[in-house]
Amino acid sequence: MDRQQLRFCTAPDGVRIAVATIGRGAPLLRAAHWLTHVEHDHASPVWRPWLDALSKHHTYIRYDQRGCGLSDREVADYSLPSWVGDLSAVIDALQLPRVPILGMSQGGAVAIAYAVAHPERVSHLVLAGAYARGSLRRDPSPAQQLEAHTLVNLIRVGWGSDNPAFREVFTRRFIKHGTPEQLQWWTELMRITSSADAAARLLEAFHQVDVTELARQVRVPTLVLHARGDAAVPFEEGRLLASLIPGARFVTLDTDNHVLLSTEPAWGHFLAEVGDFLGAPPPTAADDGLTPAEREVLTRVARGLDNRAIAAELGKSEKTVRNQVSSILDKLGLHSRAEAIVHVRDRGAHR
């Protein structure tokens, strides 16, 4: 992986924003979301695969949200206009004439608001696990209101505690099926990236986000992806978001994780969909000693299909497909389906 470059820019209200770039090629900008640390994330068992994959064919740009990571921690304004101002400052500082924006979680609302205000500066929107309405703007039931307020109070009480149990509640909402290493890293990230006060104020602000009307005004190509079992942002909110944006394409990801992990099939599906949407080279199998049947399977692995879906599409048994996938990985010297997807895309890019 290339070495990332760190720099700072200044938001309209004077807040300093930390920006990281990695990779080469056309830019891809991730709008800031909660709980990031551009320096700490570089060695993360959760985020490192994202950096590896998204910097393969792009200059991948990330920045820490105000109040988090290397950006200024002592901040007065946590609001949608201030977050849009931060995004605008990054785009202006890097002199990006037109850029695709990846909006994850509440970063989706920020990306939408910016795209409506500056459609000439945005080529594509990729919205993953995003929402138009915060928790308290969804006509919540009394129980849902209590949950939202309880999560904020949980932060105030236990965020900075030596006992990680309080923070583990949030970890399980984001990466429900992570490995012990990933779960431990994410729990520690929360303590490192933000103070209890800033984290609580941010979550309170997220609860009040509402870009429902703005979403209807989006006029750039948009891809919406959402995990079927997302515990942090309900699946129905992803469906609603896609229905609001004119012409948006909706993709269901078969996972319970809010943040995708590179070890799950949904990760390959995500990469394939985003690559196709942004115009990455179409998957083509290389001449690596694969049989024609294995090349057929590899092409479908590169599309993010699991063994069952491949078997159904090719009229084979799931066991046969599983054996062929193992043979493919062995012949290509790869260790996972995610590596196979990257391999196919790399070969396609050089043809």
Protein backbone atom coordinates (compact mmCIF):
# COMPACT_ATOMS: atom_id res chain seq x y z
CA MET A 1 0.00 0.00 0.00
CA ASP A 2 1.26 3.47 -0.86
CA ARG A 3 2.24 5.81 1.92
CA GLN A 4 -0.56 8.24 2.66
CA GLN A 5 -0.03 11.99 2.75
CA LEU A 6 -1.47 14.12 5.54
CA ARG A 7 -2.31 17.81 5.34
CA PHE A 8 -4.72 20.31 6.88
CA CYS A 9 -7.24 22.75 5.51
CA THR A 10 -9.42 25.33 7.23
CA ALA A 11 -13.21 25.30 7.30
CA PRO A 12 -15.20 28.54 6.84
CA ASP A 13 -15.53 28.96 10.63
CA GLY A 14 -11.80 28.46 11.23
CA VAL A 15 -11.83 24.80 12.30
CA ARG A 16 -8.77 22.88 11.08
CA ILE A 17 -9.61 19.69 9.20
CA ALA A 18 -7.12 16.81 8.79
CA VAL A 19 -7.02 15.37 5.27
CA ALA A 20 -5.33 12.15 4.06
CA THR A 21 -4.68 11.06 0.48
CA ILE A 22 -3.44 7.70 -0.73
CA GLY A 23 -3.09 6.00 -4.10
CA ARG A 24 -2.95 7.28 -7.66
CA GLY A 25 -5.44 8.04 -10.38
CA ALA A 26 -8.73 9.89 -10.49
CA PRO A 27 -9.86 11.19 -7.09
CA LEU A 28 -12.47 9.50 -4.91
CA LEU A 29 -13.48 11.49 -1.83
CA ARG A 30 -15.06 10.02 1.30
CA ALA A 31 -17.22 12.49 3.18
CA ALA A 32 -16.39 12.48 6.87
CA HIS A 33 -18.42 10.40 9.30
CA TRP A 34 -18.33 9.60 12.99
CA LEU A 35 -15.33 7.87 14.57
CA THR A 36 -12.41 8.26 12.21
CA HIS A 37 -8.74 8.97 12.73
CA VAL A 38 -6.93 9.27 9.39
CA GLU A 39 -3.57 8.42 10.95
CA HIS A 40 -4.77 5.62 13.23
CA ASP A 41 -7.04 4.09 10.51
CA HIS A 42 -4.03 3.48 8.26
CA ALA A 43 -3.05 0.40 10.30
CA SER A 44 -6.60 -0.71 11.09
CA PRO A 45 -7.81 -4.31 10.64
CA VAL A 46 -11.19 -2.78 9.75
CA TRP A 47 -10.29 0.16 7.49
CA ARG A 48 -7.01 -0.99 5.94
CA PRO A 49 -8.77 -3.19 3.33
CA TRP A 50 -10.86 -0.17 2.36
CA LEU A 51 -7.70 1.84 1.78
CA ASP A 52 -6.10 -0.99 -0.19
CA ALA A 53 -9.12 -1.54 -2.44
CA LEU A 54 -10.25 2.05 -3.02
CA SER A 55 -6.74 3.37 -3.71
CA LYS A 56 -6.03 0.74 -6.39
CA HIS A 57 -7.40 2.88 -9.21
CA HIS A 58 -8.07 6.15 -7.41
CA THR A 59 -6.45 8.80 -5.31
CA TYR A 60 -8.55 8.01 -2.25
CA ILE A 61 -9.20 11.05 -0.05
CA ARG A 62 -10.43 10.94 3.54
CA TYR A 63 -10.72 13.60 6.20
CA ASP A 64 -11.49 13.56 9.90
CA GLN A 65 -14.77 15.07 10.99
CA ARG A 66 -14.52 18.12 13.20
CA GLY A 67 -14.19 16.95 16.80
CA CYS A 68 -12.54 13.69 15.73
CA GLY A 69 -9.11 12.29 14.89
CA LEU A 70 -6.51 14.86 13.88
CA SER A 71 -9.06 17.56 13.13
CA ASP A 72 -9.71 20.22 15.79
CA ARG A 73 -11.29 18.65 18.88
CA GLU A 74 -12.65 21.77 20.61
CA VAL A 75 -15.46 22.82 18.30
CA ALA A 76 -18.53 24.98 18.90
CA ASP A 77 -20.65 24.05 15.90
CA TYR A 78 -21.79 20.52 15.14
CA SER A 79 -24.44 20.93 12.47
CA LEU A 80 -25.14 19.88 8.90
CA PRO A 81 -24.12 23.29 7.47
CA SER A 82 -20.79 23.11 9.31
CA TRP A 83 -20.14 19.56 8.00
CA VAL A 84 -20.94 20.67 4.46
CA GLY A 85 -18.53 23.57 4.97
CA ASP A 86 -15.82 21.10 5.98
CA LEU A 87 -16.40 19.01 2.84
CA SER A 88 -16.35 22.13 0.68
CA ALA A 89 -13.08 23.26 2.29
CA VAL A 90 -11.43 19.92 1.48
CA ILE A 91 -12.56 20.00 -2.15
CA ASP A 92 -11.38 23.59 -2.55
CA ALA A 93 -8.04 23.00 -0.79
CA LEU A 94 -7.25 20.03 -3.06
CA GLN A 95 -8.50 21.96 -6.10
CA LEU A 96 -10.78 19.16 -7.21
CA PRO A 97 -12.80 20.38 -10.20
CA ARG A 98 -15.28 17.47 -10.13
CA VAL A 99 -15.16 14.42 -7.91
CA PRO A 100 -17.17 11.30 -6.97
CA ILE A 101 -18.12 11.34 -3.28
CA LEU A 102 -18.53 8.31 -1.04
CA GLY A 103 -20.98 9.07 1.76
CA MET A 104 -21.15 6.48 4.52
CA SER A 105 -23.61 6.65 7.42
CA GLN A 106 -24.23 10.35 8.25
CA GLY A 107 -21.61 11.24 5.65
CA GLY A 108 -24.33 10.43 3.13
CA ALA A 109 -26.43 13.39 4.26
CA VAL A 110 -23.38 15.66 4.03
CA ALA A 111 -22.62 14.43 0.51
CA ILE A 112 -26.24 14.95 -0.56
CA ALA A 113 -26.35 18.50 0.78
CA TYR A 114 -23.08 19.36 -0.95
CA ALA A 115 -24.17 17.77 -4.25
CA VAL A 116 -27.37 19.83 -4.26
CA ALA A 117 -25.51 23.06 -3.52
CA HIS A 118 -22.64 22.34 -5.93
CA PRO A 119 -23.81 19.85 -8.60
CA GLU A 120 -21.06 21.00 -10.96
CA ARG A 121 -18.41 19.76 -8.50
CA VAL A 122 -19.83 16.21 -8.01
CA SER A 123 -19.64 13.50 -10.69
CA HIS A 124 -21.19 10.59 -8.74
CA LEU A 125 -22.63 9.85 -5.31
CA VAL A 126 -22.02 6.49 -3.64
CA LEU A 127 -24.12 6.24 -0.47
CA ALA A 128 -23.37 3.24 1.77
CA GLY A 129 -25.29 2.60 4.98
CA ALA A 130 -26.54 6.17 4.68
CA TYR A 131 -29.83 7.83 5.64
CA ALA A 132 -31.91 10.90 4.93
CA ARG A 133 -33.40 11.08 8.43
CA GLY A 134 -31.67 10.87 11.78
CA SER A 135 -33.06 8.66 14.53
CA LEU A 136 -35.28 11.36 16.02
CA ARG A 137 -36.62 12.52 12.65
CA ARG A 138 -38.19 9.16 11.72
CA ASP A 139 -41.43 9.61 13.66
CA PRO A 140 -39.91 7.46 16.43
CA SER A 141 -41.94 5.49 18.93
CA PRO A 142 -41.43 6.23 22.64
CA ALA A 143 -39.12 3.21 22.85
CA GLN A 144 -37.06 4.45 19.89
CA GLN A 145 -36.80 7.91 21.42
CA LEU A 146 -35.61 6.35 24.67
CA GLU A 147 -33.01 4.31 22.79
CA ALA A 148 -31.64 7.39 21.00
CA HIS A 149 -31.34 9.38 24.23
CA THR A 150 -29.91 6.39 26.10
CA LEU A 151 -27.09 5.99 23.55
CA VAL A 152 -26.12 9.64 24.00
CA ASN A 153 -26.14 9.28 27.80
CA LEU A 154 -24.15 6.06 27.54
CA ILE A 155 -21.43 8.02 25.79
CA ARG A 156 -21.41 10.72 28.45
CA VAL A 157 -21.18 8.15 31.25
CA GLY A 158 -18.74 5.58 29.90
CA TRP A 159 -16.91 6.75 26.78
CA GLY A 160 -13.67 7.64 28.53
CA SER A 161 -13.82 4.81 31.06
CA ASP A 162 -11.02 2.26 31.40
CA ASN A 163 -13.78 -0.34 31.24
CA PRO A 164 -14.48 -0.85 27.50
CA ALA A 165 -17.95 -2.32 28.11
CA PHE A 166 -19.72 0.99 27.44
CA ARG A 167 -17.97 1.49 24.10
CA GLU A 168 -18.49 -2.15 23.10
CA VAL A 169 -22.21 -1.41 22.77
CA PHE A 170 -21.38 0.86 19.82
CA THR A 171 -18.79 -1.53 18.43
CA ARG A 172 -21.41 -4.26 18.07
CA ARG A 173 -23.74 -1.84 16.29
CA PHE A 174 -21.11 -1.12 13.64
CA ILE A 175 -19.33 -4.45 13.18
CA LYS A 176 -21.60 -7.07 14.68
CA HIS A 177 -19.64 -10.02 13.29
CA GLY A 178 -16.06 -8.76 13.53
CA THR A 179 -13.11 -10.86 14.67
CA PRO A 180 -11.83 -10.37 18.23
CA GLU A 181 -9.00 -8.23 16.82
CA GLN A 182 -11.41 -6.05 14.82
CA LEU A 183 -13.80 -5.65 17.73
CA GLN A 184 -11.00 -4.70 20.11
CA TRP A 185 -9.54 -2.23 17.63
CA TRP A 186 -12.88 -0.51 17.01
CA THR A 187 -13.58 -0.21 20.73
CA GLU A 188 -10.20 1.41 21.26
CA LEU A 189 -10.71 3.70 18.23
CA MET A 190 -13.66 5.33 19.96
CA ARG A 191 -11.54 6.31 22.94
CA ILE A 192 -8.71 7.58 20.74
CA THR A 193 -10.65 9.54 18.15
CA SER A 194 -12.99 11.70 20.23
CA SER A 195 -13.77 12.95 23.72
CA ALA A 196 -16.96 11.86 25.44
CA ASP A 197 -18.42 15.35 25.15
CA ALA A 198 -17.67 15.67 21.44
CA ALA A 199 -18.92 12.16 20.67
CA ALA A 200 -22.18 12.80 22.55
CA ARG A 201 -22.76 16.17 20.89
CA LEU A 202 -22.09 14.66 17.48
CA LEU A 203 -24.54 11.82 18.05
CA GLU A 204 -27.18 14.29 19.26
CA ALA A 205 -26.69 16.26 16.03
CA PHE A 206 -26.88 13.11 13.90
CA HIS A 207 -30.23 12.24 15.49
CA GLN A 208 -31.66 15.52 14.13
CA VAL A 209 -30.38 15.27 10.54
CA ASP A 210 -33.05 15.54 7.87
CA VAL A 211 -32.14 15.86 4.18
CA THR A 212 -35.40 14.38 2.88
CA GLU A 213 -36.23 17.41 0.74
CA LEU A 214 -32.63 17.86 -0.40
CA ALA A 215 -32.47 14.22 -1.52
CA ARG A 216 -35.30 14.89 -3.97
CA GLN A 217 -33.17 17.62 -5.55
CA VAL A 218 -30.10 15.49 -6.28
CA ARG A 219 -29.27 15.54 -9.99
CA VAL A 220 -26.06 13.49 -10.16
CA PRO A 221 -25.79 9.71 -10.75
CA THR A 222 -26.31 7.97 -7.41
CA LEU A 223 -25.70 4.44 -6.11
CA VAL A 224 -27.24 3.51 -2.75
CA LEU A 225 -25.98 0.36 -0.98
CA HIS A 226 -27.33 -0.89 2.34
CA ALA A 227 -26.81 -3.92 4.55
CA ARG A 228 -29.92 -6.00 5.02
CA GLY A 229 -29.25 -6.50 8.75
CA ASP A 230 -27.67 -3.11 9.54
CA ALA A 231 -28.02 -2.51 13.29
CA ALA A 232 -26.85 1.12 13.17
CA VAL A 233 -29.03 2.38 10.30
CA PRO A 234 -32.21 0.39 9.56
CA PHE A 235 -32.46 -1.19 6.12
CA GLU A 236 -35.73 0.65 5.51
CA GLU A 237 -33.90 3.96 5.80
CA GLY A 238 -31.62 2.90 2.97
CA ARG A 239 -34.61 1.97 0.82
CA LEU A 240 -36.25 5.30 1.62
CA LEU A 241 -33.10 7.21 0.67
CA ALA A 242 -32.89 5.45 -2.70
CA SER A 243 -36.57 6.18 -3.37
CA LEU A 244 -36.09 9.89 -2.69
CA ILE A 245 -33.16 10.44 -5.07
CA PRO A 246 -34.26 10.61 -8.72
CA GLY A 247 -32.84 7.71 -10.70
CA ALA A 248 -30.83 6.25 -7.82
CA ARG A 249 -29.88 2.58 -8.06
CA PHE A 250 -30.36 0.50 -4.92
CA VAL A 251 -28.22 -2.50 -3.97
CA THR A 252 -28.87 -4.79 -1.01
CA LEU A 253 -25.76 -6.10 0.76
CA ASP A 254 -26.20 -9.47 2.47
CA THR A 255 -24.62 -8.71 5.84
CA ASP A 256 -25.45 -7.54 9.35
CA ASN A 257 -22.40 -5.27 9.54
CA HIS A 258 -22.86 -1.52 9.19
CA VAL A 259 -19.18 -1.25 8.21
CA LEU A 260 -18.25 -3.98 5.73
CA LEU A 261 -15.40 -6.31 6.58
CA SER A 262 -13.10 -7.69 3.88
CA THR A 263 -13.66 -11.28 5.07
CA GLU A 264 -17.37 -11.35 4.18
CA PRO A 265 -18.98 -11.97 0.76
CA ALA A 266 -20.77 -8.60 0.88
CA TRP A 267 -17.38 -6.90 0.63
CA GLY A 268 -16.75 -8.31 -2.83
CA HIS A 269 -20.28 -7.40 -3.88
CA PHE A 270 -19.73 -3.83 -2.68
CA LEU A 271 -16.43 -3.45 -4.55
CA ALA A 272 -17.91 -4.85 -7.76
CA GLU A 273 -20.93 -2.55 -7.66
CA VAL A 274 -18.92 0.56 -6.83
CA GLY A 275 -16.28 -0.27 -9.43
CA ASP A 276 -18.89 -0.71 -12.14
CA PHE A 277 -20.71 2.46 -11.11
CA LEU A 278 -17.58 4.61 -11.14
CA GLY A 279 -16.44 3.19 -14.45
CA ALA A 280 -13.72 0.78 -13.37
CA PRO A 281 -12.51 -1.61 -16.09
CA PRO A 282 -14.88 -4.55 -16.64
CA PRO A 283 -13.73 -7.83 -15.08
CA THR A 284 -11.72 -10.03 -17.44
CA ALA A 285 -9.98 -13.26 -16.52
CA ALA A 286 -6.26 -13.43 -17.15
CA ASP A 287 -4.45 -16.40 -18.70
CA ASP A 288 -3.20 -17.98 -15.49
CA GLY A 289 -3.78 -21.63 -16.26
CA LEU A 290 -7.48 -21.48 -15.42
CA THR A 291 -9.90 -23.71 -17.27
CA PRO A 292 -12.78 -22.08 -19.19
CA ALA A 293 -15.15 -23.26 -16.44
CA GLU A 294 -12.96 -21.67 -13.77
CA ARG A 295 -12.86 -18.42 -15.72
CA GLU A 296 -16.65 -18.39 -15.77
CA VAL A 297 -16.67 -18.80 -12.01
CA LEU A 298 -13.95 -16.16 -11.48
CA THR A 299 -15.91 -13.63 -13.52
CA ARG A 300 -18.87 -14.12 -11.20
CA VAL A 301 -16.72 -13.98 -8.07
CA ALA A 302 -15.50 -10.61 -9.36
CA ARG A 303 -19.13 -9.50 -9.54
CA GLY A 304 -19.46 -10.23 -5.82
CA LEU A 305 -21.66 -13.34 -6.14
CA ASP A 306 -21.44 -16.02 -3.46
CA ASN A 307 -21.15 -19.75 -4.22
CA ARG A 308 -24.88 -20.36 -4.09
CA ALA A 309 -25.64 -17.55 -6.56
CA ILE A 310 -22.87 -18.71 -8.90
CA ALA A 311 -24.14 -22.29 -8.77
CA ALA A 312 -27.67 -21.15 -9.64
CA GLU A 313 -26.46 -18.96 -12.50
CA LEU A 314 -24.23 -21.63 -14.04
CA GLY A 315 -26.44 -24.64 -13.30
CA LYS A 316 -23.85 -26.32 -11.05
CA SER A 317 -23.91 -27.71 -7.55
CA GLU A 318 -22.73 -25.45 -4.76
CA LYS A 319 -20.06 -28.02 -3.87
CA THR A 320 -18.65 -27.90 -7.41
CA VAL A 321 -18.46 -24.13 -7.30
CA ARG A 322 -16.79 -24.22 -3.89
CA ASN A 323 -14.14 -26.60 -5.22
CA GLN A 324 -13.59 -24.46 -8.30
CA VAL A 325 -13.17 -21.32 -6.21
CA SER A 326 -10.55 -23.10 -4.10
CA SER A 327 -8.74 -24.19 -7.28
CA ILE A 328 -8.86 -20.66 -8.67
CA LEU A 329 -7.40 -19.14 -5.52
CA ASP A 330 -4.68 -21.79 -5.46
CA LYS A 331 -3.70 -21.26 -9.12
CA LEU A 332 -3.64 -17.47 -8.74
CA GLY A 333 -1.76 -17.56 -5.44
CA LEU A 334 -4.55 -15.72 -3.65
CA HIS A 335 -6.02 -16.17 -0.18
CA SER A 336 -9.54 -14.77 -0.37
CA ARG A 337 -12.39 -13.82 -2.67
CA ALA A 338 -11.64 -10.15 -2.00
CA GLU A 339 -8.09 -10.66 -3.34
CA ALA A 340 -9.57 -12.40 -6.39
CA ILE A 341 -11.76 -9.38 -7.11
CA VAL A 342 -8.81 -7.02 -6.88
CA HIS A 343 -6.75 -9.38 -9.07
CA VAL A 344 -9.37 -9.38 -11.82
CA ARG A 345 -9.74 -5.61 -11.73
CA ASP A 346 -5.99 -5.07 -11.84
CA ARG A 347 -5.63 -7.32 -14.87
CA GLY A 348 -8.54 -5.61 -16.57
CA ALA A 349 -6.99 -2.19 -15.96
CA HIS A 350 -3.79 -3.19 -17.80
CA ARG A 351 -5.41 -4.72 -20.87
